[in-house]
Amino acid sequence: MTKQVWVTDIPRPSGSDIIVVKLPEGGAASRWLAQRVANAIRAKIPLSEMDRDVVVLNSGETGDLPLVLGTSPAAERYLSAVLADIDDYPWRTMQLAW
């Protein structure tokens, strides 16, 4: 199944970026599905960037905070802390199969 998602890079103070994937409503309601999305993203990036964290935002209903599921607890915490500013980053679309 191929879906269109939105992707951006969020810099961390430590210097490494987090790849953030925004899914349509109901896109990945579990950690297992979010891991499949992270694997699909990693299949599309250069090998030199494989160590980057990936965080999946699963949009909820309007007004709800998105579900934040990442490849590490630290990435999830950092993204949750900057969630209010997430729409200010430049987003690009990408087709993913998971």
C-alpha atoms as a PDB file:
ATOM      1  CA  MET A   1       0.000   0.000   0.000  1.00  0.00           C
ATOM      2  CA  THR A   2       1.461   3.371  -1.030  1.00  0.00           C
ATOM      3  CA  LYS A   3       0.477   6.547   0.787  1.00  0.00           C
ATOM      4  CA  GLN A   4       1.448  10.180   0.463  1.00  0.00           C
ATOM      5  CA  VAL A   5       3.031  11.573   3.612  1.00  0.00           C
ATOM      6  CA  TRP A   6       4.616  14.865   4.639  1.00  0.00           C
ATOM      7  CA  VAL A   7       8.266  14.866   5.704  1.00  0.00           C
ATOM      8  CA  THR A   8      10.540  17.449   7.336  1.00  0.00           C
ATOM      9  CA  ASP A   9      13.843  17.563   9.196  1.00  0.00           C
ATOM     10  CA  ILE A  10      13.934  18.982  12.713  1.00  0.00           C
ATOM     11  CA  PRO A  11      17.393  19.950  14.032  1.00  0.00           C
ATOM     12  CA  ARG A  12      18.322  19.024  17.599  1.00  0.00           C
ATOM     13  CA  PRO A  13      20.744  20.961  19.797  1.00  0.00           C
ATOM     14  CA  SER A  14      23.045  17.905  19.702  1.00  0.00           C
ATOM     15  CA  GLY A  15      23.516  18.484  15.976  1.00  0.00           C
ATOM     16  CA  SER A  16      21.681  15.485  14.557  1.00  0.00           C
ATOM     17  CA  ASP A  17      18.399  16.008  12.724  1.00  0.00           C
ATOM     18  CA  ILE A  18      15.226  14.050  13.303  1.00  0.00           C
ATOM     19  CA  ILE A  19      13.268  12.962  10.250  1.00  0.00           C
ATOM     20  CA  VAL A  20       9.629  13.709  10.987  1.00  0.00           C
ATOM     21  CA  VAL A  21       6.866  12.007   9.023  1.00  0.00           C
ATOM     22  CA  LYS A  22       3.335  13.380   9.255  1.00  0.00           C
ATOM     23  CA  LEU A  23       0.674  10.824   8.362  1.00  0.00           C
ATOM     24  CA  PRO A  24      -2.945  11.355   7.466  1.00  0.00           C
ATOM     25  CA  GLU A  25      -5.502  10.670  10.173  1.00  0.00           C
ATOM     26  CA  GLY A  26      -5.368   7.063  11.291  1.00  0.00           C
ATOM     27  CA  GLY A  27      -2.126   6.398   9.398  1.00  0.00           C
ATOM     28  CA  ALA A  28      -0.238   4.612  12.177  1.00  0.00           C
ATOM     29  CA  ALA A  29      -2.145   4.197  15.392  1.00  0.00           C
ATOM     30  CA  SER A  30       0.371   1.765  16.895  1.00  0.00           C
ATOM     31  CA  ARG A  31       4.096   1.584  17.488  1.00  0.00           C
ATOM     32  CA  TRP A  32       4.319  -1.419  15.157  1.00  0.00           C
ATOM     33  CA  LEU A  33       2.839   0.542  12.238  1.00  0.00           C
ATOM     34  CA  ALA A  34       5.010   3.556  13.035  1.00  0.00           C
ATOM     35  CA  GLN A  35       8.082   1.304  12.882  1.00  0.00           C
ATOM     36  CA  ARG A  36       7.011   0.130   9.427  1.00  0.00           C
ATOM     37  CA  VAL A  37       6.802   3.781   8.320  1.00  0.00           C
ATOM     38  CA  ALA A  38      10.262   4.461   9.814  1.00  0.00           C
ATOM     39  CA  ASN A  39      11.657   1.457   7.915  1.00  0.00           C
ATOM     40  CA  ALA A  40      10.091   2.741   4.684  1.00  0.00           C
ATOM     41  CA  ILE A  41      11.719   6.155   5.219  1.00  0.00           C
ATOM     42  CA  ARG A  42      15.088   4.573   5.927  1.00  0.00           C
ATOM     43  CA  ALA A  43      14.841   2.624   2.689  1.00  0.00           C
ATOM     44  CA  LYS A  44      14.759   5.966   0.833  1.00  0.00           C
ATOM     45  CA  ILE A  45      17.642   7.798   2.534  1.00  0.00           C
ATOM     46  CA  PRO A  46      21.388   7.429   1.921  1.00  0.00           C
ATOM     47  CA  LEU A  47      23.219   4.815   3.967  1.00  0.00           C
ATOM     48  CA  SER A  48      25.254   7.572   5.632  1.00  0.00           C
ATOM     49  CA  GLU A  49      22.033   8.907   7.239  1.00  0.00           C
ATOM     50  CA  MET A  50      20.712   5.607   8.603  1.00  0.00           C
ATOM     51  CA  ASP A  51      21.582   6.525  12.183  1.00  0.00           C
ATOM     52  CA  ARG A  52      19.114   9.448  12.190  1.00  0.00           C
ATOM     53  CA  ASP A  53      16.034   9.108  14.357  1.00  0.00           C
ATOM     54  CA  VAL A  54      12.638   8.977  12.684  1.00  0.00           C
ATOM     55  CA  VAL A  55       9.487  10.220  14.404  1.00  0.00           C
ATOM     56  CA  VAL A  56       6.021   9.517  13.044  1.00  0.00           C
ATOM     57  CA  LEU A  57       3.203  11.964  13.763  1.00  0.00           C
ATOM     58  CA  ASN A  58      -0.176  10.363  13.468  1.00  0.00           C
ATOM     59  CA  SER A  59      -2.734  13.145  13.083  1.00  0.00           C
ATOM     60  CA  GLY A  60      -5.749  12.811  15.285  1.00  0.00           C
ATOM     61  CA  GLU A  61      -9.050  14.566  14.950  1.00  0.00           C
ATOM     62  CA  THR A  62      -8.997  18.334  14.549  1.00  0.00           C
ATOM     63  CA  GLY A  63      -7.792  19.990  17.748  1.00  0.00           C
ATOM     64  CA  ASP A  64      -6.208  16.814  19.153  1.00  0.00           C
ATOM     65  CA  LEU A  65      -2.460  16.556  19.607  1.00  0.00           C
ATOM     66  CA  PRO A  66      -0.894  14.050  17.203  1.00  0.00           C
ATOM     67  CA  LEU A  67       0.399  10.721  18.431  1.00  0.00           C
ATOM     68  CA  VAL A  68       4.229  10.917  18.506  1.00  0.00           C
ATOM     69  CA  LEU A  69       5.987   7.593  17.885  1.00  0.00           C
ATOM     70  CA  GLY A  70       9.721   7.505  17.259  1.00  0.00           C
ATOM     71  CA  THR A  71      12.726   5.271  16.913  1.00  0.00           C
ATOM     72  CA  SER A  72      14.001   6.458  20.302  1.00  0.00           C
ATOM     73  CA  PRO A  73      12.400   7.832  23.472  1.00  0.00           C
ATOM     74  CA  ALA A  74      14.737  10.861  23.321  1.00  0.00           C
ATOM     75  CA  ALA A  75      13.524  11.753  19.828  1.00  0.00           C
ATOM     76  CA  GLU A  76       9.894  11.402  20.931  1.00  0.00           C
ATOM     77  CA  ARG A  77      10.483  13.688  23.937  1.00  0.00           C
ATOM     78  CA  TYR A  78      12.299  16.320  21.883  1.00  0.00           C
ATOM     79  CA  LEU A  79       9.650  16.379  19.180  1.00  0.00           C
ATOM     80  CA  SER A  80       6.862  16.566  21.758  1.00  0.00           C
ATOM     81  CA  ALA A  81       8.625  19.610  23.241  1.00  0.00           C
ATOM     82  CA  VAL A  82       8.746  21.457  19.889  1.00  0.00           C
ATOM     83  CA  LEU A  83       5.360  20.287  18.642  1.00  0.00           C
ATOM     84  CA  ALA A  84       3.835  23.770  18.843  1.00  0.00           C
ATOM     85  CA  ASP A  85       6.333  25.002  16.211  1.00  0.00           C
ATOM     86  CA  ILE A  86       6.160  21.984  13.901  1.00  0.00           C
ATOM     87  CA  ASP A  87       4.117  23.714  11.193  1.00  0.00           C
ATOM     88  CA  ASP A  88       6.841  26.372  10.785  1.00  0.00           C
ATOM     89  CA  TYR A  89       9.285  23.862   9.263  1.00  0.00           C
ATOM     90  CA  PRO A  90       9.473  23.294   5.485  1.00  0.00           C
ATOM     91  CA  TRP A  91       7.508  20.148   4.619  1.00  0.00           C
ATOM     92  CA  ARG A  92       7.800  18.073   1.448  1.00  0.00           C
ATOM     93  CA  THR A  93       5.605  15.267   0.203  1.00  0.00           C
ATOM     94  CA  MET A  94       6.843  11.740  -0.265  1.00  0.00           C
ATOM     95  CA  GLN A  95       5.273   8.490  -1.403  1.00  0.00           C
ATOM     96  CA  LEU A  96       5.848   5.589   0.982  1.00  0.00           C
ATOM     97  CA  ALA A  97       4.874   1.956   0.852  1.00  0.00           C
ATOM     98  CA  TRP A  98       4.387   0.197   4.178  1.00  0.00           C
END
